[in-house]
């Protein structure tokens, strides 16, 4: 089984979008709470990761989340409103791993990474919903 891992560098959400703009990169991405916020308690420990995803165009997907054009983006915005945090895209951070693979291989990599997260923390990241394997 794949061991759970995270990217080495993290960027504020807006900076990640700026760095990815016009590049057409595909790969895996993680969305997390910044270090100054309390981590999420999962059944087997705490983690600041709230979502793991993949896309053949990372800029487009992250921008869709920010614009609430995805269920994930809507759920993150709703959670931020309900908890009184405000605009989540001002504080959330993004890590990416650019992968030069096919769309199918991206989906497989995401599935392996999610399985490894579940194995380590006891459930999927907060906004990945119900993950079944």
N, C-alpha and C. Protein backbone atom coordinates (compact mmCIF):
# COMPACT_ATOMS: atom_id res chain seq x y z
N UNK A 1 0.84 -1.19 0.00
CA UNK A 1 0.00 0.00 0.00
C UNK A 1 0.89 1.26 0.00
N UNK A 2 0.42 2.28 -0.67
CA UNK A 2 1.12 3.56 -0.72
C UNK A 2 1.11 4.21 0.65
N UNK A 3 2.23 4.77 1.04
CA UNK A 3 2.31 5.52 2.29
C UNK A 3 1.78 6.93 2.03
N UNK A 4 1.04 7.48 3.00
CA UNK A 4 0.51 8.83 2.83
C UNK A 4 1.65 9.85 2.82
N UNK A 5 1.56 10.81 1.93
CA UNK A 5 2.57 11.86 1.82
C UNK A 5 1.90 13.16 1.44
N UNK A 6 2.62 14.25 1.64
CA UNK A 6 2.14 15.58 1.28
C UNK A 6 3.25 16.32 0.54
N UNK A 7 2.87 17.35 -0.21
CA UNK A 7 3.90 18.12 -0.93
C UNK A 7 4.82 18.86 0.03
N UNK A 8 6.01 19.20 -0.44
CA UNK A 8 6.99 19.90 0.40
C UNK A 8 6.66 21.38 0.57
N UNK A 9 6.06 22.00 -0.44
CA UNK A 9 5.78 23.45 -0.38
C UNK A 9 4.29 23.71 -0.41
N UNK A 10 3.92 24.72 0.36
CA UNK A 10 2.52 25.15 0.45
C UNK A 10 2.45 26.63 0.11
N UNK A 11 1.32 27.01 -0.50
CA UNK A 11 1.12 28.40 -0.92
C UNK A 11 -0.26 28.87 -0.48
N UNK A 12 -0.38 30.16 -0.14
CA UNK A 12 -1.73 30.70 0.06
C UNK A 12 -2.53 30.45 -1.21
N UNK A 13 -3.83 30.25 -1.06
CA UNK A 13 -4.68 29.88 -2.19
C UNK A 13 -4.50 30.82 -3.37
N UNK A 14 -4.53 32.12 -3.11
CA UNK A 14 -4.40 33.10 -4.20
C UNK A 14 -3.05 32.98 -4.91
N UNK A 15 -1.98 32.78 -4.13
CA UNK A 15 -0.66 32.64 -4.74
C UNK A 15 -0.57 31.37 -5.60
N UNK A 16 -1.19 30.29 -5.13
CA UNK A 16 -1.19 29.05 -5.92
C UNK A 16 -1.86 29.30 -7.27
N UNK A 17 -2.99 30.02 -7.27
CA UNK A 17 -3.66 30.33 -8.52
C UNK A 17 -2.77 31.18 -9.43
N UNK A 18 -2.09 32.17 -8.86
CA UNK A 18 -1.20 33.01 -9.66
C UNK A 18 -0.07 32.20 -10.28
N UNK A 19 0.50 31.29 -9.51
CA UNK A 19 1.61 30.48 -10.02
C UNK A 19 1.17 29.50 -11.11
N UNK A 20 -0.08 29.04 -11.02
CA UNK A 20 -0.60 28.06 -11.98
C UNK A 20 -1.23 28.69 -13.21
N UNK A 21 -1.56 29.97 -13.15
CA UNK A 21 -2.28 30.63 -14.23
C UNK A 21 -1.57 30.47 -15.57
N UNK A 22 -2.31 30.01 -16.57
CA UNK A 22 -1.79 29.89 -17.93
C UNK A 22 -0.81 28.77 -18.17
N UNK A 23 -0.61 27.91 -17.20
CA UNK A 23 0.41 26.86 -17.34
C UNK A 23 -0.14 25.52 -17.81
N UNK A 24 -1.39 25.24 -17.54
CA UNK A 24 -1.98 23.98 -17.99
C UNK A 24 -1.44 22.75 -17.29
N UNK A 25 -0.88 22.92 -16.09
CA UNK A 25 -0.33 21.78 -15.36
C UNK A 25 -1.44 20.88 -14.83
N UNK A 26 -1.19 19.59 -14.83
CA UNK A 26 -2.08 18.62 -14.22
C UNK A 26 -1.37 17.92 -13.08
N UNK A 27 -2.13 17.42 -12.14
CA UNK A 27 -1.52 16.70 -11.04
C UNK A 27 -2.45 16.56 -9.85
N UNK A 28 -1.85 16.29 -8.72
CA UNK A 28 -2.57 16.15 -7.46
C UNK A 28 -2.51 17.48 -6.71
N UNK A 29 -3.54 17.71 -5.88
CA UNK A 29 -3.49 18.91 -5.03
C UNK A 29 -4.12 18.62 -3.67
N UNK A 30 -3.62 19.32 -2.69
CA UNK A 30 -4.09 19.24 -1.32
C UNK A 30 -4.54 20.63 -0.91
N UNK A 31 -5.62 20.72 -0.16
CA UNK A 31 -6.04 21.98 0.43
C UNK A 31 -5.98 21.78 1.94
N UNK A 32 -5.37 22.75 2.63
CA UNK A 32 -5.23 22.59 4.08
C UNK A 32 -5.49 23.91 4.80
N UNK A 33 -5.71 23.75 6.10
CA UNK A 33 -5.80 24.90 6.98
C UNK A 33 -4.38 25.38 7.27
N UNK A 34 -4.19 26.67 7.48
CA UNK A 34 -2.85 27.16 7.82
C UNK A 34 -2.45 26.70 9.22
N UNK A 35 -1.16 26.76 9.51
CA UNK A 35 -0.63 26.28 10.79
C UNK A 35 -1.25 26.96 12.01
N UNK A 36 -1.66 28.22 11.87
CA UNK A 36 -2.19 28.92 13.03
C UNK A 36 -3.61 28.50 13.41
N UNK A 37 -4.26 27.71 12.55
CA UNK A 37 -5.61 27.23 12.87
C UNK A 37 -5.54 25.82 13.46
N UNK A 38 -6.52 25.51 14.28
CA UNK A 38 -6.59 24.18 14.89
C UNK A 38 -6.82 23.13 13.80
N UNK A 39 -6.05 22.08 13.85
CA UNK A 39 -6.18 20.98 12.88
C UNK A 39 -7.51 20.26 13.09
N UNK A 40 -7.92 19.50 12.09
CA UNK A 40 -9.17 18.72 12.15
C UNK A 40 -8.87 17.41 12.86
N UNK A 41 -9.75 17.05 13.75
CA UNK A 41 -9.60 15.77 14.46
C UNK A 41 -10.25 14.67 13.62
N UNK A 42 -9.44 13.72 13.23
CA UNK A 42 -9.92 12.54 12.52
C UNK A 42 -9.89 11.37 13.50
N UNK A 43 -10.49 10.24 13.20
CA UNK A 43 -10.53 9.12 14.16
C UNK A 43 -9.16 8.66 14.67
N UNK A 44 -8.11 8.78 13.85
CA UNK A 44 -6.77 8.31 14.27
C UNK A 44 -5.74 9.42 14.31
N UNK A 45 -6.15 10.62 14.64
CA UNK A 45 -5.19 11.71 14.76
C UNK A 45 -5.71 12.98 14.10
N UNK A 46 -4.91 14.02 14.18
CA UNK A 46 -5.32 15.29 13.61
C UNK A 46 -4.49 15.62 12.37
N UNK A 47 -5.12 16.37 11.46
CA UNK A 47 -4.46 16.80 10.24
C UNK A 47 -5.09 18.12 9.81
N UNK A 48 -4.29 18.96 9.19
CA UNK A 48 -4.82 20.22 8.67
C UNK A 48 -5.36 20.06 7.25
N UNK A 49 -5.23 18.87 6.67
CA UNK A 49 -5.72 18.61 5.31
C UNK A 49 -7.25 18.53 5.33
N UNK A 50 -7.88 19.32 4.44
CA UNK A 50 -9.34 19.29 4.34
C UNK A 50 -9.81 18.70 3.01
N UNK A 51 -8.91 18.60 2.02
CA UNK A 51 -9.32 18.05 0.73
C UNK A 51 -8.09 17.60 -0.05
N UNK A 52 -8.26 16.49 -0.76
CA UNK A 52 -7.25 15.99 -1.68
C UNK A 52 -7.95 15.76 -3.02
N UNK A 53 -7.35 16.26 -4.10
CA UNK A 53 -7.96 16.08 -5.40
C UNK A 53 -6.93 15.95 -6.50
N UNK A 54 -7.44 15.81 -7.71
CA UNK A 54 -6.59 15.71 -8.89
C UNK A 54 -7.28 16.42 -10.03
N UNK A 55 -6.50 16.90 -10.96
CA UNK A 55 -7.07 17.55 -12.14
C UNK A 55 -6.04 17.58 -13.26
N UNK A 56 -6.52 17.48 -14.48
CA UNK A 56 -5.65 17.64 -15.65
C UNK A 56 -5.29 19.11 -15.85
N UNK A 57 -6.02 20.02 -15.19
CA UNK A 57 -5.73 21.46 -15.22
C UNK A 57 -5.93 22.01 -13.82
N UNK A 58 -4.84 22.07 -13.06
CA UNK A 58 -4.92 22.48 -11.65
C UNK A 58 -5.46 23.90 -11.48
N UNK A 59 -5.03 24.83 -12.31
CA UNK A 59 -5.53 26.20 -12.19
C UNK A 59 -7.05 26.23 -12.33
N UNK A 60 -7.54 25.60 -13.39
CA UNK A 60 -8.98 25.62 -13.63
C UNK A 60 -9.75 25.03 -12.45
N UNK A 61 -9.30 23.87 -11.95
CA UNK A 61 -10.02 23.21 -10.86
C UNK A 61 -10.01 24.05 -9.59
N UNK A 62 -8.85 24.57 -9.21
CA UNK A 62 -8.78 25.38 -8.00
C UNK A 62 -9.62 26.65 -8.13
N UNK A 63 -9.61 27.25 -9.30
CA UNK A 63 -10.41 28.44 -9.53
C UNK A 63 -11.90 28.11 -9.46
N UNK A 64 -12.30 26.95 -9.97
CA UNK A 64 -13.70 26.51 -9.87
C UNK A 64 -14.11 26.35 -8.41
N UNK A 65 -13.23 25.79 -7.58
CA UNK A 65 -13.52 25.67 -6.15
C UNK A 65 -13.74 27.07 -5.55
N UNK A 66 -12.81 27.99 -5.85
CA UNK A 66 -12.88 29.34 -5.30
C UNK A 66 -14.16 30.05 -5.72
N UNK A 67 -14.59 29.82 -6.94
CA UNK A 67 -15.80 30.46 -7.46
C UNK A 67 -17.07 29.69 -7.08
N UNK A 68 -16.92 28.65 -6.27
CA UNK A 68 -18.03 27.81 -5.81
C UNK A 68 -18.79 27.17 -6.98
N UNK A 69 -18.05 26.81 -8.02
CA UNK A 69 -18.66 26.11 -9.16
C UNK A 69 -18.51 24.60 -9.03
N UNK A 70 -17.98 24.14 -7.90
CA UNK A 70 -17.88 22.71 -7.61
C UNK A 70 -18.57 22.46 -6.28
N UNK A 71 -18.97 21.24 -6.06
CA UNK A 71 -19.58 20.88 -4.77
C UNK A 71 -18.57 21.12 -3.64
N UNK A 72 -17.32 20.79 -3.89
CA UNK A 72 -16.28 21.01 -2.88
C UNK A 72 -16.19 22.49 -2.53
N UNK A 73 -16.14 23.35 -3.53
CA UNK A 73 -16.08 24.79 -3.28
C UNK A 73 -17.28 25.29 -2.51
N UNK A 74 -18.47 24.80 -2.85
CA UNK A 74 -19.68 25.18 -2.14
C UNK A 74 -19.62 24.73 -0.68
N UNK A 75 -19.18 23.49 -0.45
CA UNK A 75 -19.11 22.95 0.91
C UNK A 75 -18.08 23.69 1.76
N UNK A 76 -16.94 24.02 1.18
CA UNK A 76 -15.92 24.77 1.93
C UNK A 76 -16.45 26.15 2.29
N UNK A 77 -17.09 26.84 1.34
CA UNK A 77 -17.64 28.17 1.60
C UNK A 77 -18.74 28.10 2.67
N UNK A 78 -19.59 27.09 2.60
CA UNK A 78 -20.67 26.90 3.59
C UNK A 78 -20.08 26.69 4.98
N UNK A 79 -19.08 25.82 5.08
CA UNK A 79 -18.41 25.55 6.36
C UNK A 79 -17.80 26.83 6.93
N UNK A 80 -17.16 27.62 6.07
CA UNK A 80 -16.53 28.87 6.53
C UNK A 80 -17.60 29.84 7.06
N UNK A 81 -18.73 29.93 6.38
CA UNK A 81 -19.82 30.79 6.85
C UNK A 81 -20.35 30.31 8.20
N UNK A 82 -20.61 29.00 8.30
CA UNK A 82 -21.18 28.43 9.52
C UNK A 82 -20.25 28.55 10.72
N UNK A 83 -18.96 28.50 10.49
CA UNK A 83 -18.01 28.60 11.60
C UNK A 83 -17.58 30.04 11.87
N UNK A 84 -18.06 30.98 11.05
CA UNK A 84 -17.73 32.40 11.25
C UNK A 84 -16.32 32.77 10.82
N UNK A 85 -15.70 31.94 10.02
CA UNK A 85 -14.32 32.18 9.59
C UNK A 85 -14.25 33.26 8.51
N UNK A 86 -15.29 33.36 7.71
CA UNK A 86 -15.27 34.34 6.63
C UNK A 86 -14.85 33.71 5.32
N UNK A 87 -14.19 34.48 4.49
CA UNK A 87 -13.78 34.02 3.16
C UNK A 87 -12.67 32.98 3.28
N UNK A 88 -12.96 31.71 2.99
CA UNK A 88 -11.96 30.66 3.19
C UNK A 88 -10.78 30.78 2.24
N UNK A 89 -10.98 31.40 1.08
CA UNK A 89 -9.91 31.46 0.08
C UNK A 89 -8.84 32.46 0.47
N UNK A 90 -9.08 33.26 1.51
CA UNK A 90 -8.06 34.18 2.01
C UNK A 90 -7.06 33.49 2.93
N UNK A 91 -7.44 32.35 3.53
CA UNK A 91 -6.53 31.71 4.48
C UNK A 91 -6.14 30.28 4.13
N UNK A 92 -6.94 29.57 3.33
CA UNK A 92 -6.58 28.20 2.99
C UNK A 92 -5.28 28.16 2.19
N UNK A 93 -4.56 27.06 2.32
CA UNK A 93 -3.30 26.88 1.61
C UNK A 93 -3.42 25.69 0.66
N UNK A 94 -2.59 25.72 -0.38
CA UNK A 94 -2.61 24.68 -1.40
C UNK A 94 -1.21 24.14 -1.60
N UNK A 95 -1.12 22.83 -1.73
CA UNK A 95 0.11 22.17 -2.15
C UNK A 95 -0.20 21.39 -3.41
N UNK A 96 0.71 21.36 -4.34
CA UNK A 96 0.47 20.64 -5.59
C UNK A 96 1.67 19.75 -5.92
N UNK A 97 1.37 18.71 -6.65
CA UNK A 97 2.39 17.83 -7.20
C UNK A 97 2.06 17.69 -8.67
N UNK A 98 2.89 18.29 -9.53
CA UNK A 98 2.67 18.24 -10.97
C UNK A 98 3.05 16.84 -11.45
N UNK A 99 2.15 16.20 -12.19
CA UNK A 99 2.42 14.86 -12.70
C UNK A 99 2.20 14.83 -14.20
N UNK A 100 3.15 14.29 -14.91
CA UNK A 100 3.04 14.16 -16.36
C UNK A 100 2.53 12.77 -16.70
N UNK A 101 1.25 12.57 -16.42
CA UNK A 101 0.62 11.28 -16.63
C UNK A 101 -0.76 11.50 -17.27
N UNK A 102 -1.39 10.42 -17.67
CA UNK A 102 -2.73 10.50 -18.28
C UNK A 102 -3.78 10.81 -17.22
N UNK A 103 -4.96 11.17 -17.68
CA UNK A 103 -6.09 11.45 -16.77
C UNK A 103 -6.41 10.22 -15.93
N UNK A 104 -6.37 9.05 -16.54
CA UNK A 104 -6.66 7.82 -15.79
C UNK A 104 -5.60 7.58 -14.72
N UNK A 105 -4.33 7.81 -15.05
CA UNK A 105 -3.27 7.64 -14.06
C UNK A 105 -3.41 8.66 -12.92
N UNK A 106 -3.87 9.87 -13.24
CA UNK A 106 -4.12 10.87 -12.19
C UNK A 106 -5.20 10.36 -11.23
N UNK A 107 -6.28 9.82 -11.76
CA UNK A 107 -7.35 9.28 -10.91
C UNK A 107 -6.83 8.15 -10.03
N UNK A 108 -5.98 7.30 -10.60
CA UNK A 108 -5.41 6.20 -9.82
C UNK A 108 -4.50 6.72 -8.70
N UNK A 109 -3.70 7.73 -9.02
CA UNK A 109 -2.82 8.32 -8.00
C UNK A 109 -3.64 8.95 -6.87
N UNK A 110 -4.71 9.66 -7.24
CA UNK A 110 -5.58 10.27 -6.23
C UNK A 110 -6.19 9.19 -5.35
N UNK A 111 -6.67 8.11 -5.96
CA UNK A 111 -7.27 7.03 -5.19
C UNK A 111 -6.26 6.42 -4.22
N UNK A 112 -5.04 6.19 -4.68
CA UNK A 112 -4.00 5.63 -3.79
C UNK A 112 -3.72 6.59 -2.63
N UNK A 113 -3.64 7.87 -2.93
CA UNK A 113 -3.35 8.86 -1.90
C UNK A 113 -4.50 8.94 -0.88
N UNK A 114 -5.73 8.91 -1.36
CA UNK A 114 -6.88 8.94 -0.44
C UNK A 114 -6.92 7.68 0.42
N UNK A 115 -6.64 6.53 -0.17
CA UNK A 115 -6.61 5.29 0.61
C UNK A 115 -5.54 5.39 1.71
N UNK A 116 -4.39 5.94 1.37
CA UNK A 116 -3.31 6.09 2.35
C UNK A 116 -3.71 7.07 3.46
N UNK A 117 -4.42 8.15 3.11
CA UNK A 117 -4.89 9.10 4.12
C UNK A 117 -5.87 8.41 5.06
N UNK A 118 -6.81 7.65 4.50
CA UNK A 118 -7.79 6.92 5.31
C UNK A 118 -7.08 5.92 6.22
N UNK A 119 -6.10 5.22 5.70
CA UNK A 119 -5.35 4.25 6.51
C UNK A 119 -4.64 4.93 7.67
N UNK A 120 -4.12 6.11 7.45
CA UNK A 120 -3.38 6.82 8.49
C UNK A 120 -4.30 7.54 9.48
N UNK A 121 -5.35 8.20 8.99
CA UNK A 121 -6.17 9.05 9.86
C UNK A 121 -7.55 8.47 10.19
N UNK A 122 -7.94 7.37 9.57
CA UNK A 122 -9.20 6.72 9.91
C UNK A 122 -10.42 7.21 9.16
N UNK A 123 -10.28 8.23 8.34
CA UNK A 123 -11.37 8.69 7.49
C UNK A 123 -10.79 9.56 6.39
N UNK A 124 -11.63 9.87 5.42
CA UNK A 124 -11.21 10.75 4.32
C UNK A 124 -11.10 12.18 4.83
N UNK A 125 -10.36 13.05 4.12
CA UNK A 125 -10.33 14.46 4.49
C UNK A 125 -11.74 15.04 4.54
N UNK A 126 -11.93 16.04 5.38
CA UNK A 126 -13.24 16.63 5.67
C UNK A 126 -14.12 16.85 4.45
N UNK A 127 -13.59 17.40 3.38
CA UNK A 127 -14.42 17.75 2.23
C UNK A 127 -14.35 16.74 1.08
N UNK A 128 -13.71 15.60 1.30
CA UNK A 128 -13.72 14.55 0.28
C UNK A 128 -14.98 13.70 0.39
N UNK A 129 -15.81 13.97 1.39
CA UNK A 129 -17.07 13.23 1.50
C UNK A 129 -16.84 11.79 1.84
N UNK A 130 -17.78 10.98 1.45
CA UNK A 130 -17.68 9.55 1.70
C UNK A 130 -16.85 8.92 0.60
N UNK A 131 -15.72 8.38 0.96
CA UNK A 131 -14.85 7.73 0.01
C UNK A 131 -14.98 6.22 0.20
N UNK A 132 -15.33 5.54 -0.86
CA UNK A 132 -15.44 4.07 -0.78
C UNK A 132 -14.42 3.45 -1.75
N UNK A 133 -13.81 2.40 -1.29
CA UNK A 133 -12.81 1.72 -2.12
C UNK A 133 -13.15 0.27 -2.24
